[in-house]
C-alpha atoms as a PDB file:
ATOM      1  CA  MET A   1       0.000   0.000   0.000  1.00  0.00           C
ATOM      2  CA  HIS A   2       1.245   3.508  -0.810  1.00  0.00           C
ATOM      3  CA  SER A   3       2.700   5.170   2.277  1.00  0.00           C
ATOM      4  CA  ASP A   4       0.487   8.257   2.063  1.00  0.00           C
ATOM      5  CA  LEU A   5      -2.591   6.061   1.765  1.00  0.00           C
ATOM      6  CA  GLN A   6      -1.490   3.896   4.697  1.00  0.00           C
ATOM      7  CA  ARG A   7      -0.965   6.985   6.872  1.00  0.00           C
ATOM      8  CA  TYR A   8      -4.356   8.341   5.869  1.00  0.00           C
ATOM      9  CA  LEU A   9      -6.148   5.102   6.728  1.00  0.00           C
ATOM     10  CA  ASP A  10      -4.327   4.901  10.062  1.00  0.00           C
ATOM     11  CA  ASP A  11      -5.340   8.485  10.850  1.00  0.00           C
ATOM     12  CA  LEU A  12      -8.917   7.824   9.766  1.00  0.00           C
ATOM     13  CA  VAL A  13      -9.255   4.833  12.103  1.00  0.00           C
ATOM     14  CA  THR A  14      -7.756   6.858  14.971  1.00  0.00           C
ATOM     15  CA  ALA A  15     -10.180   9.733  14.350  1.00  0.00           C
ATOM     16  CA  ALA A  16     -13.160   7.383  14.115  1.00  0.00           C
ATOM     17  CA  ARG A  17     -12.126   5.708  17.363  1.00  0.00           C
ATOM     18  CA  ASP A  18     -11.819   9.119  19.050  1.00  0.00           C
ATOM     19  CA  VAL A  19     -15.441   9.821  18.105  1.00  0.00           C
ATOM     20  CA  LEU A  20     -17.044   6.417  18.657  1.00  0.00           C
ATOM     21  CA  GLY A  21     -14.827   4.902  21.347  1.00  0.00           C
ATOM     22  CA  THR A  22     -15.714   1.286  22.062  1.00  0.00           C
ATOM     23  CA  ASP A  23     -18.707   1.557  19.708  1.00  0.00           C
ATOM     24  CA  LEU A  24     -16.218   1.284  16.832  1.00  0.00           C
ATOM     25  CA  VAL A  25     -15.702  -2.462  16.414  1.00  0.00           C
ATOM     26  CA  GLY A  26     -14.295  -2.600  12.882  1.00  0.00           C
ATOM     27  CA  ALA A  27     -12.878  -0.599   9.978  1.00  0.00           C
ATOM     28  CA  TYR A  28     -12.343  -1.998   6.481  1.00  0.00           C
ATOM     29  CA  ALA A  29     -10.853  -0.783   3.223  1.00  0.00           C
ATOM     30  CA  ALA A  30     -13.142  -1.673   0.340  1.00  0.00           C
ATOM     31  CA  GLY A  31     -13.318  -0.853  -3.368  1.00  0.00           C
ATOM     32  CA  SER A  32     -10.049  -0.595  -5.263  1.00  0.00           C
ATOM     33  CA  VAL A  33      -7.948  -0.793  -2.085  1.00  0.00           C
ATOM     34  CA  GLY A  34      -9.589  -4.022  -0.966  1.00  0.00           C
ATOM     35  CA  LEU A  35      -9.378  -5.478  -4.470  1.00  0.00           C
ATOM     36  CA  GLY A  36      -5.698  -4.547  -4.843  1.00  0.00           C
ATOM     37  CA  ALA A  37      -6.245  -2.093  -7.691  1.00  0.00           C
ATOM     38  CA  TYR A  38      -5.776   1.330  -6.094  1.00  0.00           C
ATOM     39  CA  GLN A  39      -4.355   3.912  -8.545  1.00  0.00           C
ATOM     40  CA  PRO A  40      -3.026   7.186  -7.088  1.00  0.00           C
ATOM     41  CA  GLY A  41      -4.678  10.147  -8.752  1.00  0.00           C
ATOM     42  CA  ARG A  42      -7.541   8.063 -10.138  1.00  0.00           C
ATOM     43  CA  SER A  43      -9.041   5.873  -7.440  1.00  0.00           C
ATOM     44  CA  ASP A  44     -11.271   6.844  -4.544  1.00  0.00           C
ATOM     45  CA  VAL A  45     -10.672   5.559  -1.036  1.00  0.00           C
ATOM     46  CA  ASP A  46     -13.601   3.386   0.056  1.00  0.00           C
ATOM     47  CA  VAL A  47     -13.915   2.647   3.774  1.00  0.00           C
ATOM     48  CA  ALA A  48     -16.587   0.847   5.781  1.00  0.00           C
ATOM     49  CA  LEU A  49     -16.826   1.369   9.531  1.00  0.00           C
ATOM     50  CA  LEU A  50     -18.608  -1.068  11.810  1.00  0.00           C
ATOM     51  CA  SER A  51     -20.420   0.098  14.935  1.00  0.00           C
ATOM     52  CA  ALA A  52     -21.551  -2.056  17.831  1.00  0.00           C
ATOM     53  CA  GLY A  53     -25.103  -0.766  17.442  1.00  0.00           C
ATOM     54  CA  PRO A  54     -27.139   2.128  16.041  1.00  0.00           C
ATOM     55  CA  LEU A  55     -25.498   5.542  16.353  1.00  0.00           C
ATOM     56  CA  SER A  56     -27.044   8.673  17.798  1.00  0.00           C
ATOM     57  CA  THR A  57     -27.485  11.708  15.577  1.00  0.00           C
ATOM     58  CA  ASP A  58     -24.802  13.505  17.592  1.00  0.00           C
ATOM     59  CA  ALA A  59     -22.333  10.656  17.005  1.00  0.00           C
ATOM     60  CA  LYS A  60     -23.087  10.647  13.285  1.00  0.00           C
ATOM     61  CA  GLN A  61     -22.559  14.385  13.003  1.00  0.00           C
ATOM     62  CA  ALA A  62     -19.354  14.218  15.009  1.00  0.00           C
ATOM     63  CA  LEU A  63     -18.039  11.438  12.779  1.00  0.00           C
ATOM     64  CA  VAL A  64     -18.695  13.522   9.671  1.00  0.00           C
ATOM     65  CA  ALA A  65     -17.019  16.559  11.226  1.00  0.00           C
ATOM     66  CA  ARG A  66     -13.853  14.594  12.070  1.00  0.00           C
ATOM     67  CA  LEU A  67     -13.549  12.668   8.811  1.00  0.00           C
ATOM     68  CA  ARG A  68     -14.532  15.193   6.159  1.00  0.00           C
ATOM     69  CA  HIS A  69     -11.740  16.359   3.856  1.00  0.00           C
ATOM     70  CA  GLU A  70     -11.433  19.765   5.498  1.00  0.00           C
ATOM     71  CA  ALA A  71     -10.566  18.095   8.831  1.00  0.00           C
ATOM     72  CA  LEU A  72      -8.675  15.042   7.556  1.00  0.00           C
ATOM     73  CA  PRO A  73      -7.358  15.663   4.007  1.00  0.00           C
ATOM     74  CA  CYS A  74      -7.756  12.667   1.730  1.00  0.00           C
ATOM     75  CA  PRO A  75      -4.749  11.955  -0.526  1.00  0.00           C
ATOM     76  CA  ALA A  76      -6.972  10.432  -3.220  1.00  0.00           C
ATOM     77  CA  ARG A  77      -9.746  11.887  -5.363  1.00  0.00           C
ATOM     78  CA  GLY A  78     -11.956  11.546  -2.353  1.00  0.00           C
ATOM     79  CA  LEU A  79     -13.232   9.379   0.480  1.00  0.00           C
ATOM     80  CA  GLU A  80     -16.396   7.314   0.186  1.00  0.00           C
ATOM     81  CA  LEU A  81     -17.187   6.193   3.729  1.00  0.00           C
ATOM     82  CA  VAL A  82     -20.146   4.246   5.054  1.00  0.00           C
ATOM     83  CA  CYS A  83     -20.749   3.177   8.639  1.00  0.00           C
ATOM     84  CA  TYR A  84     -22.886   0.106   9.340  1.00  0.00           C
ATOM     85  CA  ASP A  85     -24.374  -1.320  12.492  1.00  0.00           C
ATOM     86  CA  ARG A  86     -22.777  -4.726  13.102  1.00  0.00           C
ATOM     87  CA  ALA A  87     -26.185  -6.437  12.982  1.00  0.00           C
ATOM     88  CA  VAL A  88     -26.951  -4.963   9.549  1.00  0.00           C
ATOM     89  CA  ALA A  89     -23.550  -6.041   8.193  1.00  0.00           C
ATOM     90  CA  ALA A  90     -24.197  -9.607   9.349  1.00  0.00           C
ATOM     91  CA  SER A  91     -27.742  -9.761   7.987  1.00  0.00           C
ATOM     92  CA  GLY A  92     -27.022 -10.017   4.255  1.00  0.00           C
ATOM     93  CA  THR A  93     -29.785  -7.500   3.578  1.00  0.00           C
ATOM     94  CA  PRO A  94     -29.956  -5.938   0.107  1.00  0.00           C
ATOM     95  CA  GLU A  95     -31.256  -2.680   1.621  1.00  0.00           C
ATOM     96  CA  PRO A  96     -28.907   0.297   2.203  1.00  0.00           C
ATOM     97  CA  GLY A  97     -29.074  -0.091   5.981  1.00  0.00           C
ATOM     98  CA  PHE A  98     -26.270   2.365   6.790  1.00  0.00           C
ATOM     99  CA  GLU A  99     -25.836   4.562   9.859  1.00  0.00           C
ATOM    100  CA  VAL A 100     -24.006   7.387   8.089  1.00  0.00           C
ATOM    101  CA  GLU A 101     -22.647   7.969   4.608  1.00  0.00           C
ATOM    102  CA  LEU A 102     -19.938  10.499   3.783  1.00  0.00           C
ATOM    103  CA  ASN A 103     -18.455  11.438   0.421  1.00  0.00           C
ATOM    104  CA  THR A 104     -15.730  14.065   0.707  1.00  0.00           C
ATOM    105  CA  GLY A 105     -12.572  15.087  -1.102  1.00  0.00           C
ATOM    106  CA  ALA A 106     -10.805  17.697  -3.172  1.00  0.00           C
ATOM    107  CA  ASP A 107     -12.290  16.293  -6.396  1.00  0.00           C
ATOM    108  CA  MET A 108     -15.524  14.781  -5.084  1.00  0.00           C
ATOM    109  CA  PRO A 109     -18.916  16.407  -4.463  1.00  0.00           C
ATOM    110  CA  PHE A 110     -19.671  16.492  -0.738  1.00  0.00           C
ATOM    111  CA  ARG A 111     -22.436  14.208   0.480  1.00  0.00           C
ATOM    112  CA  ARG A 112     -23.582  13.565   4.028  1.00  0.00           C
ATOM    113  CA  THR A 113     -26.488  11.213   4.665  1.00  0.00           C
ATOM    114  CA  LEU A 114     -27.491  10.286   8.219  1.00  0.00           C
ATOM    115  CA  ASP A 115     -30.458   8.062   7.397  1.00  0.00           C
ATOM    116  CA  PRO A 116     -31.033   5.720   4.429  1.00  0.00           C
ATOM    117  CA  ALA A 117     -34.514   7.198   4.033  1.00  0.00           C
ATOM    118  CA  ASP A 118     -32.881  10.485   3.068  1.00  0.00           C
ATOM    119  CA  ARG A 119     -30.897   8.914   0.244  1.00  0.00           C
ATOM    120  CA  PRO A 120     -32.509  10.120  -3.022  1.00  0.00           C
ATOM    121  CA  VAL A 121     -33.930   7.175  -4.941  1.00  0.00           C
ATOM    122  CA  VAL A 122     -32.659   8.725  -8.167  1.00  0.00           C
ATOM    123  CA  ASP A 123     -29.075   8.308  -6.895  1.00  0.00           C
ATOM    124  CA  GLY A 124     -29.484   4.546  -6.564  1.00  0.00           C
ATOM    125  CA  ARG A 125     -30.040   2.344  -3.524  1.00  0.00           C
ATOM    126  CA  PHE A 126     -28.205  -0.701  -4.888  1.00  0.00           C
ATOM    127  CA  TRP A 127     -24.679   0.476  -4.034  1.00  0.00           C
ATOM    128  CA  TYR A 128     -24.642  -0.649  -0.419  1.00  0.00           C
ATOM    129  CA  GLY A 129     -25.648  -4.285  -0.760  1.00  0.00           C
ATOM    130  CA  LEU A 130     -23.158  -4.702  -3.614  1.00  0.00           C
ATOM    131  CA  ASP A 131     -20.418  -2.980  -1.622  1.00  0.00           C
ATOM    132  CA  ARG A 132     -21.039  -5.265   1.356  1.00  0.00           C
ATOM    133  CA  SER A 133     -20.828  -8.268  -0.978  1.00  0.00           C
ATOM    134  CA  ILE A 134     -17.416  -7.043  -2.130  1.00  0.00           C
ATOM    135  CA  LEU A 135     -16.415  -6.460   1.496  1.00  0.00           C
ATOM    136  CA  HIS A 136     -17.444 -10.023   2.358  1.00  0.00           C
ATOM    137  CA  GLN A 137     -15.028 -11.320  -0.271  1.00  0.00           C
ATOM    138  CA  SER A 138     -12.193  -8.795  -0.285  1.00  0.00           C
ATOM    139  CA  GLY A 139     -12.502  -6.250   2.514  1.00  0.00           C
ATOM    140  CA  LEU A 140      -9.143  -5.355   4.054  1.00  0.00           C
ATOM    141  CA  ALA A 141      -9.369  -5.203   7.853  1.00  0.00           C
ATOM    142  CA  LEU A 142      -7.873  -2.024   9.319  1.00  0.00           C
ATOM    143  CA  LEU A 143      -9.450  -2.760  12.702  1.00  0.00           C
ATOM    144  CA  GLY A 144     -11.486  -5.685  13.984  1.00  0.00           C
ATOM    145  CA  PRO A 145     -12.192  -9.232  12.763  1.00  0.00           C
ATOM    146  CA  PRO A 146     -11.710 -10.333   9.118  1.00  0.00           C
ATOM    147  CA  ALA A 147     -14.272  -8.757   6.806  1.00  0.00           C
ATOM    148  CA  GLY A 148     -15.624 -12.145   5.705  1.00  0.00           C
ATOM    149  CA  GLU A 149     -16.657 -12.848   9.284  1.00  0.00           C
ATOM    150  CA  VAL A 150     -18.664  -9.668   9.828  1.00  0.00           C
ATOM    151  CA  PHE A 151     -20.102  -8.857   6.378  1.00  0.00           C
ATOM    152  CA  ALA A 152     -22.564 -11.434   5.062  1.00  0.00           C
ATOM    153  CA  ASP A 153     -22.887 -11.933   1.317  1.00  0.00           C
ATOM    154  CA  LEU A 154     -26.122 -11.358  -0.564  1.00  0.00           C
ATOM    155  CA  ALA A 155     -28.507 -14.144  -1.403  1.00  0.00           C
ATOM    156  CA  PRO A 156     -28.190 -15.047  -5.120  1.00  0.00           C
ATOM    157  CA  ALA A 157     -31.600 -13.598  -6.015  1.00  0.00           C
ATOM    158  CA  ASP A 158     -30.820 -10.317  -4.247  1.00  0.00           C
ATOM    159  CA  LEU A 159     -27.410 -10.099  -5.900  1.00  0.00           C
ATOM    160  CA  ARG A 160     -28.920 -10.601  -9.327  1.00  0.00           C
ATOM    161  CA  ARG A 161     -31.601  -7.970  -8.680  1.00  0.00           C
ATOM    162  CA  LEU A 162     -29.094  -5.384  -7.492  1.00  0.00           C
ATOM    163  CA  LEU A 163     -26.791  -6.008 -10.457  1.00  0.00           C
ATOM    164  CA  ILE A 164     -29.725  -5.432 -12.802  1.00  0.00           C
ATOM    165  CA  GLU A 165     -30.734  -2.292 -10.884  1.00  0.00           C
ATOM    166  CA  ALA A 166     -27.180  -0.963 -11.123  1.00  0.00           C
ATOM    167  CA  LEU A 167     -26.964  -1.483 -14.876  1.00  0.00           C
ATOM    168  CA  THR A 168     -30.426   0.011 -15.356  1.00  0.00           C
ATOM    169  CA  TRP A 169     -29.337   3.065 -13.371  1.00  0.00           C
ATOM    170  CA  TRP A 170     -26.217   3.508 -15.498  1.00  0.00           C
ATOM    171  CA  LEU A 171     -28.226   3.178 -18.706  1.00  0.00           C
ATOM    172  CA  ALA A 172     -30.669   5.861 -17.508  1.00  0.00           C
ATOM    173  CA  LEU A 173     -27.914   8.466 -17.122  1.00  0.00           C
ATOM    174  CA  PRO A 174     -27.692  11.169 -19.812  1.00  0.00           C
ATOM    175  CA  ALA A 175     -26.137   9.623 -22.891  1.00  0.00           C
ATOM    176  CA  PRO A 176     -22.723  10.903 -24.001  1.00  0.00           C
ATOM    177  CA  PRO A 177     -22.218  11.644 -27.717  1.00  0.00           C
ATOM    178  CA  ALA A 178     -22.841   8.411 -29.556  1.00  0.00           C
ATOM    179  CA  ASP A 179     -20.206   8.671 -32.283  1.00  0.00           C
ATOM    180  CA  GLN A 180     -17.102   9.941 -30.508  1.00  0.00           C
ATOM    181  CA  PRO A 181     -14.915   8.831 -27.576  1.00  0.00           C
ATOM    182  CA  ALA A 182     -16.460  10.013 -24.322  1.00  0.00           C
ATOM    183  CA  PRO A 183     -14.533  10.367 -21.049  1.00  0.00           C
ATOM    184  CA  GLY A 184     -15.948   8.036 -18.419  1.00  0.00           C
ATOM    185  CA  THR A 185     -17.272   5.411 -20.797  1.00  0.00           C
ATOM    186  CA  GLU A 186     -14.327   3.159 -19.939  1.00  0.00           C
ATOM    187  CA  ASP A 187     -15.486   3.038 -16.323  1.00  0.00           C
ATOM    188  CA  ALA A 188     -19.040   2.273 -17.414  1.00  0.00           C
ATOM    189  CA  VAL A 189     -17.845  -0.602 -19.611  1.00  0.00           C
ATOM    190  CA  LEU A 190     -15.437  -2.023 -17.033  1.00  0.00           C
ATOM    191  CA  GLY A 191     -18.044  -1.715 -14.299  1.00  0.00           C
ATOM    192  CA  ALA A 192     -20.359  -3.807 -16.452  1.00  0.00           C
ATOM    193  CA  CYS A 193     -17.499  -6.296 -16.940  1.00  0.00           C
ATOM    194  CA  ARG A 194     -17.157  -6.625 -13.166  1.00  0.00           C
ATOM    195  CA  SER A 195     -20.882  -7.303 -12.828  1.00  0.00           C
ATOM    196  CA  LEU A 196     -20.768  -9.899 -15.570  1.00  0.00           C
ATOM    197  CA  VAL A 197     -17.771 -11.718 -14.078  1.00  0.00           C
ATOM    198  CA  ARG A 198     -19.476 -11.790 -10.666  1.00  0.00           C
ATOM    199  CA  HIS A 199     -22.629 -13.190 -12.278  1.00  0.00           C
ATOM    200  CA  ARG A 200     -20.781 -15.828 -14.318  1.00  0.00           C
ATOM    201  CA  ASP A 201     -17.913 -16.815 -12.046  1.00  0.00           C
ATOM    202  CA  GLY A 202     -19.086 -15.882  -8.555  1.00  0.00           C
ATOM    203  CA  SER A 203     -16.132 -13.629  -7.728  1.00  0.00           C
ATOM    204  CA  TRP A 204     -15.582  -9.899  -7.544  1.00  0.00           C
ATOM    205  CA  LEU A 205     -12.604  -8.520  -9.458  1.00  0.00           C
ATOM    206  CA  ALA A 206     -11.249  -5.020  -9.914  1.00  0.00           C
ATOM    207  CA  LYS A 207     -12.725  -3.371 -12.999  1.00  0.00           C
ATOM    208  CA  THR A 208      -9.704  -3.707 -15.283  1.00  0.00           C
ATOM    209  CA  ALA A 209      -9.067  -7.267 -14.103  1.00  0.00           C
ATOM    210  CA  ALA A 210     -12.687  -8.140 -14.892  1.00  0.00           C
ATOM    211  CA  GLY A 211     -12.333  -6.727 -18.385  1.00  0.00           C
ATOM    212  CA  GLN A 212      -9.152  -8.714 -18.918  1.00  0.00           C
ATOM    213  CA  ARG A 213     -10.870 -11.863 -17.617  1.00  0.00           C
ATOM    214  CA  LEU A 214     -13.534 -11.508 -20.318  1.00  0.00           C
ATOM    215  CA  ILE A 215     -10.933 -10.802 -23.007  1.00  0.00           C
ATOM    216  CA  ASP A 216      -8.954 -13.886 -21.977  1.00  0.00           C
ATOM    217  CA  ALA A 217     -12.163 -15.924 -22.070  1.00  0.00           C
ATOM    218  CA  GLY A 218     -12.664 -14.924 -25.705  1.00  0.00           C
ATOM    219  CA  ASP A 219     -15.410 -12.323 -25.357  1.00  0.00           C
ATOM    220  CA  PRO A 220     -15.775 -10.791 -28.826  1.00  0.00           C
ATOM    221  CA  ALA A 221     -16.641  -7.270 -27.630  1.00  0.00           C
ATOM    222  CA  GLU A 222     -13.881  -4.981 -28.910  1.00  0.00           C
ATOM    223  CA  VAL A 223     -15.239  -2.300 -26.589  1.00  0.00           C
ATOM    224  CA  ILE A 224     -13.693  -4.159 -23.632  1.00  0.00           C
ATOM    225  CA  ARG A 225     -10.218  -3.885 -25.157  1.00  0.00           C
ATOM    226  CA  GLN A 226     -10.803  -0.189 -25.786  1.00  0.00           C
ATOM    227  CA  ALA A 227     -11.906   0.345 -22.184  1.00  0.00           C
ATOM    228  CA  VAL A 228      -8.863  -1.464 -20.790  1.00  0.00           C
ATOM    229  CA  ALA A 229      -6.558   0.510 -23.104  1.00  0.00           C
ATOM    230  CA  ALA A 230      -8.231   3.765 -22.019  1.00  0.00           C
ATOM    231  CA  ARG A 231      -7.120   3.044 -18.440  1.00  0.00           C
ATOM    232  CA  HIS A 232      -3.569   3.295 -19.790  1.00  0.00           C
ATOM    233  CA  GLY A 233      -4.025   6.477 -21.787  1.00  0.00           C
ATOM    234  CA  GLY A 234      -5.841   5.316 -24.916  1.00  0.00           C
ATOM    235  CA  PRO A 235      -9.077   6.872 -26.218  1.00  0.00           C
ATOM    236  CA  PRO A 236     -12.223   5.725 -24.375  1.00  0.00           C
ATOM    237  CA  PRO A 237     -15.121   3.975 -26.143  1.00  0.00           C
ATOM    238  CA  THR A 238     -17.917   5.983 -27.690  1.00  0.00           C
ATOM    239  CA  GLY A 239     -21.168   6.499 -25.841  1.00  0.00           C
ATOM    240  CA  ALA A 240     -23.003   4.180 -28.212  1.00  0.00           C
ATOM    241  CA  GLN A 241     -20.467   1.386 -27.728  1.00  0.00           C
ATOM    242  CA  ALA A 242     -20.623   1.683 -23.954  1.00  0.00           C
ATOM    243  CA  ARG A 243     -24.405   1.682 -23.791  1.00  0.00           C
ATOM    244  CA  ALA A 244     -24.735  -1.246 -26.164  1.00  0.00           C
ATOM    245  CA  PHE A 245     -22.332  -3.295 -24.035  1.00  0.00           C
ATOM    246  CA  GLN A 246     -24.081  -2.359 -20.798  1.00  0.00           C
ATOM    247  CA  GLN A 247     -27.408  -3.375 -22.336  1.00  0.00           C
ATOM    248  CA  ARG A 248     -25.948  -6.705 -23.428  1.00  0.00           C
ATOM    249  CA  VAL A 249     -24.629  -7.401 -19.937  1.00  0.00           C
ATOM    250  CA  ARG A 250     -27.929  -6.439 -18.318  1.00  0.00           C
ATOM    251  CA  ASP A 251     -29.806  -8.734 -20.684  1.00  0.00           C
ATOM    252  CA  GLU A 252     -27.533 -11.664 -19.862  1.00  0.00           C
ATOM    253  CA  ILE A 253     -27.819 -11.174 -16.105  1.00  0.00           C
ATOM    254  CA  ALA A 254     -31.578 -10.739 -16.362  1.00  0.00           C
ATOM    255  CA  GLY A 255     -31.756 -13.982 -18.301  1.00  0.00           C
END
């Protein structure tokens, strides 16, 4: 792990413990860090905290105040942090179920949500169950027991539903120009690759690794090669290519 990232995660756990005390029973790096694909300057830092029980509003607000970028500068694009009650993490629920959500960073829009009911439906409610599934497989423990012991995986039917919801959400976003390379389409394509690999093979991979897995398996979609190359400086796929691939993946997962 990069030294600046390691220091940041150490400081984050210390700050969270200062706020929550013994109510903090676990802290886990998720996303690209957990999957071993963190890229300085490109990746976010995803962290899940685990509390012994539900948090008071005061504790939630104090946690946000201590961990937001202005108080604890994030060395990455930004921090995406979610705190879960231990019972929710162990339940395998597909519902958001979080205690507090914080998005903060120099290059990330600020978001603070203290109750899942306040999460706008238009922003998607599928993220959390999928993130906990990734944590179950690949969460990196910064504090507390191994992630696989405290985060339950989703039931197959719930996983399939959330994958379909995620792809439907992506397809509903404003379409980039159809006939020219569009920044961000590589992430959309590789995100769909990750969903497809999880559906087919039962394992979560980092986005680029998922794209390479499909290439190695003989997938004929040239758009995957373009998306992987775009991660290394090549032109991204066009909007039309990305949307067609996402639709194909959604159709396969939906059966």
